[in-house]
């Protein structure tokens, strides 16, 4: 009788540990995916910012050149 009870308890605890492990793994995968997306966005923004400050063939930054064109077009 005690032996059967201990077996059931062991099985229950094992299943609970497996469930907790699976939940933790799902959370870890979710966090990794979120970090990958965040890093991708940050990388894209950094590249965009870098490109905005790089120089065009006239030695002017792309950002300043675009701003000047906007001002000229709004006159």
Foldseek 3Di string as FASTA:
>chain_A
DVVVVVVVVVVVVVVVVVVVVVVVVVVVVVVVVVVVVVVVVVVVVVVVVVQQQDADPVRHGVVVVVVVVVVVVVD
